[in-house]
Each structure stands twice: as structure tokens, then as C-alpha cells.
C-alpha atoms as a PDB file:
ATOM      1  CA  UNK A   1      38.898   6.722  16.645  1.00  0.00           C
ATOM      2  CA  UNK A   2      36.686   5.418  13.866  1.00  0.00           C
ATOM      3  CA  UNK A   3      37.299   1.980  14.715  1.00  0.00           C
ATOM      4  CA  UNK A   4      35.382   2.466  17.901  1.00  0.00           C
ATOM      5  CA  UNK A   5      32.157   3.485  16.277  1.00  0.00           C
ATOM      6  CA  UNK A   6      30.665   0.190  15.777  1.00  0.00           C
ATOM      7  CA  UNK A   7      32.234  -1.197  19.097  1.00  0.00           C
ATOM      8  CA  UNK A   8      29.840  -2.380  22.272  1.00  0.00           C
ATOM      9  CA  UNK A   9      30.137   0.588  24.665  1.00  0.00           C
ATOM     10  CA  UNK A  10      29.996   0.570  28.970  1.00  0.00           C
ATOM     11  CA  UNK A  11      27.196   2.994  30.055  1.00  0.00           C
ATOM     12  CA  UNK A  12      23.365   3.814  30.041  1.00  0.00           C
ATOM     13  CA  UNK A  13      22.122   5.110  26.627  1.00  0.00           C
ATOM     14  CA  UNK A  14      19.980   8.137  27.443  1.00  0.00           C
ATOM     15  CA  UNK A  15      18.526  10.980  25.245  1.00  0.00           C
ATOM     16  CA  UNK A  16      17.632  14.359  25.168  1.00  0.00           C
ATOM     17  CA  UNK A  17      15.425  16.168  22.633  1.00  0.00           C
ATOM     18  CA  UNK A  18      12.802  18.436  21.783  1.00  0.00           C
ATOM     19  CA  UNK A  19       9.817  15.881  21.746  1.00  0.00           C
ATOM     20  CA  UNK A  20       6.354  17.470  23.414  1.00  0.00           C
ATOM     21  CA  UNK A  21       6.354  16.496  26.928  1.00  0.00           C
ATOM     22  CA  UNK A  22       2.390  17.180  26.986  1.00  0.00           C
ATOM     23  CA  UNK A  23       1.760  13.818  24.414  1.00  0.00           C
ATOM     24  CA  UNK A  24       0.884  15.878  21.863  1.00  0.00           C
ATOM     25  CA  UNK A  25       2.637  16.329  18.493  1.00  0.00           C
ATOM     26  CA  UNK A  26       4.569  19.953  19.118  1.00  0.00           C
ATOM     27  CA  UNK A  27       7.819  18.519  18.971  1.00  0.00           C
ATOM     28  CA  UNK A  28       9.497  21.396  17.927  1.00  0.00           C
ATOM     29  CA  UNK A  29      10.930  24.848  20.020  1.00  0.00           C
ATOM     30  CA  UNK A  30      10.699  27.868  18.972  1.00  0.00           C
ATOM     31  CA  UNK A  31      13.978  30.410  19.440  1.00  0.00           C
ATOM     32  CA  UNK A  32      13.271  34.121  19.121  1.00  0.00           C
ATOM     33  CA  UNK A  33      15.568  36.224  17.363  1.00  0.00           C
ATOM     34  CA  UNK A  34      18.567  37.448  20.084  1.00  0.00           C
ATOM     35  CA  UNK A  35      17.673  34.214  22.469  1.00  0.00           C
ATOM     36  CA  UNK A  36      19.825  31.529  23.594  1.00  0.00           C
ATOM     37  CA  UNK A  37      18.058  28.201  24.185  1.00  0.00           C
ATOM     38  CA  UNK A  38      20.072  25.505  26.060  1.00  0.00           C
ATOM     39  CA  UNK A  39      18.937  22.225  25.015  1.00  0.00           C
ATOM     40  CA  UNK A  40      20.915  20.087  26.728  1.00  0.00           C
ATOM     41  CA  UNK A  41      22.392  19.843  30.525  1.00  0.00           C
ATOM     42  CA  UNK A  42      23.831  16.389  31.041  1.00  0.00           C
ATOM     43  CA  UNK A  43      24.857  16.108  34.710  1.00  0.00           C
ATOM     44  CA  UNK A  44      27.879  13.714  35.412  1.00  0.00           C
ATOM     45  CA  UNK A  45      30.453  11.739  33.385  1.00  0.00           C
ATOM     46  CA  UNK A  46      29.682  10.449  29.878  1.00  0.00           C
ATOM     47  CA  UNK A  47      30.063  10.677  26.296  1.00  0.00           C
ATOM     48  CA  UNK A  48      27.782  12.380  23.586  1.00  0.00           C
ATOM     49  CA  UNK A  49      27.118   9.855  20.672  1.00  0.00           C
ATOM     50  CA  UNK A  50      25.173  11.151  18.331  1.00  0.00           C
ATOM     51  CA  UNK A  51      23.631  14.634  17.520  1.00  0.00           C
ATOM     52  CA  UNK A  52      20.591  15.058  14.941  1.00  0.00           C
ATOM     53  CA  UNK A  53      19.260  18.476  13.955  1.00  0.00           C
ATOM     54  CA  UNK A  54      16.737  20.202  11.737  1.00  0.00           C
ATOM     55  CA  UNK A  55      15.745  23.664  11.514  1.00  0.00           C
ATOM     56  CA  UNK A  56      13.047  25.842   9.710  1.00  0.00           C
ATOM     57  CA  UNK A  57      13.674  29.569   9.540  1.00  0.00           C
ATOM     58  CA  UNK A  58      12.818  32.262   7.131  1.00  0.00           C
ATOM     59  CA  UNK A  59      16.062  33.314   7.273  1.00  0.00           C
ATOM     60  CA  UNK A  60      18.121  32.167   4.466  1.00  0.00           C
ATOM     61  CA  UNK A  61      21.169  32.123   6.346  1.00  0.00           C
ATOM     62  CA  UNK A  62      19.926  30.752   9.540  1.00  0.00           C
ATOM     63  CA  UNK A  63      22.630  27.884   8.934  1.00  0.00           C
ATOM     64  CA  UNK A  64      25.476  31.214   9.926  1.00  0.00           C
ATOM     65  CA  UNK A  65      23.058  32.934  11.935  1.00  0.00           C
ATOM     66  CA  UNK A  66      22.628  30.280  14.474  1.00  0.00           C
ATOM     67  CA  UNK A  67      25.175  29.362  16.638  1.00  0.00           C
ATOM     68  CA  UNK A  68      26.285  26.321  18.490  1.00  0.00           C
ATOM     69  CA  UNK A  69      27.835  26.233  21.891  1.00  0.00           C
ATOM     70  CA  UNK A  70      28.776  23.473  23.947  1.00  0.00           C
ATOM     71  CA  UNK A  71      30.708  23.593  27.486  1.00  0.00           C
ATOM     72  CA  UNK A  72      32.115  20.674  29.075  1.00  0.00           C
ATOM     73  CA  UNK A  73      33.028  20.151  32.924  1.00  0.00           C
ATOM     74  CA  UNK A  74      31.965  23.068  34.530  1.00  0.00           C
ATOM     75  CA  UNK A  75      33.769  25.845  31.927  1.00  0.00           C
ATOM     76  CA  UNK A  76      32.751  29.143  31.766  1.00  0.00           C
ATOM     77  CA  UNK A  77      33.809  29.531  28.353  1.00  0.00           C
ATOM     78  CA  UNK A  78      32.553  27.337  25.731  1.00  0.00           C
ATOM     79  CA  UNK A  79      34.985  24.442  24.181  1.00  0.00           C
ATOM     80  CA  UNK A  80      32.936  24.677  20.800  1.00  0.00           C
ATOM     81  CA  UNK A  81      31.396  27.804  19.443  1.00  0.00           C
ATOM     82  CA  UNK A  82      30.188  27.504  15.774  1.00  0.00           C
ATOM     83  CA  UNK A  83      27.281  28.535  12.971  1.00  0.00           C
ATOM     84  CA  UNK A  84      25.417  25.553  13.080  1.00  0.00           C
ATOM     85  CA  UNK A  85      26.073  24.563   9.407  1.00  0.00           C
ATOM     86  CA  UNK A  86      30.000  24.819   9.774  1.00  0.00           C
ATOM     87  CA  UNK A  87      29.283  22.332  12.571  1.00  0.00           C
ATOM     88  CA  UNK A  88      27.468  19.814  10.740  1.00  0.00           C
ATOM     89  CA  UNK A  89      30.519  20.419   7.438  1.00  0.00           C
ATOM     90  CA  UNK A  90      28.776  23.242   5.348  1.00  0.00           C
ATOM     91  CA  UNK A  91      30.634  26.519   5.699  1.00  0.00           C
ATOM     92  CA  UNK A  92      28.930  28.208   2.674  1.00  0.00           C
ATOM     93  CA  UNK A  93      25.527  28.481   4.881  1.00  0.00           C
ATOM     94  CA  UNK A  94      23.756  26.522   2.232  1.00  0.00           C
ATOM     95  CA  UNK A  95      21.840  23.147   3.140  1.00  0.00           C
ATOM     96  CA  UNK A  96      23.419  20.593   0.907  1.00  0.00           C
ATOM     97  CA  UNK A  97      23.094  16.708   0.632  1.00  0.00           C
ATOM     98  CA  UNK A  98      26.471  14.738   1.818  1.00  0.00           C
ATOM     99  CA  UNK A  99      27.717  11.925   4.045  1.00  0.00           C
ATOM    100  CA  UNK A 100      30.967  11.164   6.003  1.00  0.00           C
ATOM    101  CA  UNK A 101      31.752   8.820   8.900  1.00  0.00           C
ATOM    102  CA  UNK A 102      30.881  11.301  11.431  1.00  0.00           C
ATOM    103  CA  UNK A 103      29.246  13.755   9.598  1.00  0.00           C
ATOM    104  CA  UNK A 104      26.249  14.373   7.040  1.00  0.00           C
ATOM    105  CA  UNK A 105      23.610  16.196   5.914  1.00  0.00           C
ATOM    106  CA  UNK A 106      20.632  15.520   3.777  1.00  0.00           C
ATOM    107  CA  UNK A 107      19.024  18.421   2.377  1.00  0.00           C
ATOM    108  CA  UNK A 108      14.954  18.163   2.161  1.00  0.00           C
ATOM    109  CA  UNK A 109      13.592  17.824  -1.685  1.00  0.00           C
ATOM    110  CA  UNK A 110      17.437  18.815  -3.133  1.00  0.00           C
ATOM    111  CA  UNK A 111      16.288  22.683  -1.726  1.00  0.00           C
ATOM    112  CA  UNK A 112      19.249  24.515   0.092  1.00  0.00           C
ATOM    113  CA  UNK A 113      17.312  25.677   2.994  1.00  0.00           C
ATOM    114  CA  UNK A 114      16.432  22.533   4.861  1.00  0.00           C
ATOM    115  CA  UNK A 115      18.237  19.803   6.161  1.00  0.00           C
ATOM    116  CA  UNK A 116      18.188  17.037   8.380  1.00  0.00           C
ATOM    117  CA  UNK A 117      21.944  16.977  10.072  1.00  0.00           C
ATOM    118  CA  UNK A 118      24.002  14.459  12.011  1.00  0.00           C
ATOM    119  CA  UNK A 119      27.010  14.191  13.893  1.00  0.00           C
ATOM    120  CA  UNK A 120      28.863  10.824  15.369  1.00  0.00           C
ATOM    121  CA  UNK A 121      31.996  12.289  16.854  1.00  0.00           C
ATOM    122  CA  UNK A 122      32.313  11.082  20.270  1.00  0.00           C
ATOM    123  CA  UNK A 123      32.408  14.017  22.862  1.00  0.00           C
ATOM    124  CA  UNK A 124      33.229  12.557  26.332  1.00  0.00           C
ATOM    125  CA  UNK A 125      32.885  14.810  29.386  1.00  0.00           C
ATOM    126  CA  UNK A 126      33.493  13.987  33.109  1.00  0.00           C
ATOM    127  CA  UNK A 127      31.559  16.502  35.291  1.00  0.00           C
ATOM    128  CA  UNK A 128      28.714  17.646  33.041  1.00  0.00           C
ATOM    129  CA  UNK A 129      27.842  19.182  29.681  1.00  0.00           C
ATOM    130  CA  UNK A 130      25.644  21.827  28.397  1.00  0.00           C
ATOM    131  CA  UNK A 131      24.512  22.617  24.720  1.00  0.00           C
ATOM    132  CA  UNK A 132      23.390  25.997  23.647  1.00  0.00           C
ATOM    133  CA  UNK A 133      21.713  27.557  20.438  1.00  0.00           C
ATOM    134  CA  UNK A 134      21.765  31.122  19.758  1.00  0.00           C
ATOM    135  CA  UNK A 135      19.830  32.894  17.197  1.00  0.00           C
ATOM    136  CA  UNK A 136      21.462  35.787  15.956  1.00  0.00           C
ATOM    137  CA  UNK A 137      18.901  36.377  13.250  1.00  0.00           C
ATOM    138  CA  UNK A 138      16.746  39.370  12.790  1.00  0.00           C
ATOM    139  CA  UNK A 139      13.451  36.303  12.670  1.00  0.00           C
ATOM    140  CA  UNK A 140      12.370  33.791  14.977  1.00  0.00           C
ATOM    141  CA  UNK A 141      13.524  29.689  14.372  1.00  0.00           C
ATOM    142  CA  UNK A 142       9.920  28.756  14.017  1.00  0.00           C
ATOM    143  CA  UNK A 143      11.077  24.926  14.494  1.00  0.00           C
ATOM    144  CA  UNK A 144      14.015  23.709  16.081  1.00  0.00           C
ATOM    145  CA  UNK A 145      14.030  20.009  16.414  1.00  0.00           C
ATOM    146  CA  UNK A 146      16.943  17.804  18.029  1.00  0.00           C
ATOM    147  CA  UNK A 147      17.658  15.044  19.792  1.00  0.00           C
ATOM    148  CA  UNK A 148      21.099  14.061  21.045  1.00  0.00           C
ATOM    149  CA  UNK A 149      22.264  10.842  22.275  1.00  0.00           C
ATOM    150  CA  UNK A 150      24.710   9.814  24.997  1.00  0.00           C
ATOM    151  CA  UNK A 151      25.745   7.574  27.347  1.00  0.00           C
ATOM    152  CA  UNK A 152      25.602   8.209  30.777  1.00  0.00           C
ATOM    153  CA  UNK A 153      28.579   6.659  33.083  1.00  0.00           C
ATOM    154  CA  UNK A 154      29.756   6.315  36.313  1.00  0.00           C
ATOM    155  CA  UNK A 155      33.214   7.756  35.283  1.00  0.00           C
ATOM    156  CA  UNK A 156      35.605   8.698  32.216  1.00  0.00           C
END
């Protein structure tokens, strides 16, 4: 798997993100307490290649209380359902700097609250993919930034 990360791929490179469609600088999404937000609805066949996220929340445990759900190929139940921090490699709900070949986290200024998080696991789908974020905190996620890079393909 790892040797395929640097190989030429087929398909059309695409991105979904939290960018401000008005052209201003409001690139973050707010997610109220208890709310679920769909951040990606990808039609057809493809392979997710890279996910980047960063979050601003008053809740010190947001990495545990923010859930990530991923659905493949029209499934009713998620194939991935995990706290955000666990997905990005930190099960202790504290931002920390580390790097591996498929995951990394870079803590902002060395504090244990904010971090940029990256995932490079190839995640193929043949008939659509959906990614949801669920805020189980009692406080709003003030700023949720993300982008998801994927290859759109004719078939898998």
C-alpha cells in the first residue's frame, strides 16, 4: 500500500473543502452542539487520497467529542465511526505533534488544544462516499476547517 502513495494515478483530481463560496475569508464552518454536518458527498467512483482538518472549540475534549463517520457505496451504517482524535492517531484527546507515513498531527504552538491533522490512507469507493462530522460537545465548534482530496474515476 505505501509504495503506491507516490505512483502516478488515473482519474481526475478533485477537492471538497470548507472554503467560503462568497469569496470572502470565512473559510470555517460552525457546528452547533449536538448537530451533524455532512462535509462531503462524493458521487460515483473514486478514491479519497488526503484529508486535512483543523478545529477550534472551547471544549478541551473536542478531539474525543467530535465524531467522524464515513459511508461508502450507499451503505446505511457507517464503515468508519470514530472520535476525530482517534482517527488522526491520538487516542488521548490532546493535540500532539507526530508524523508517520499515513497520518500526522502538528500541534499549534506546542499547546495540546489545536492542531492541523492529515490522513493519506487511500479510501476507494465504487458508488459514492459521504463524510459526516458530529459535535457531541455541549459547546459549538466555532471553526471547522477541512479539505478532502480525491480522484474521481469512471470505475474502480
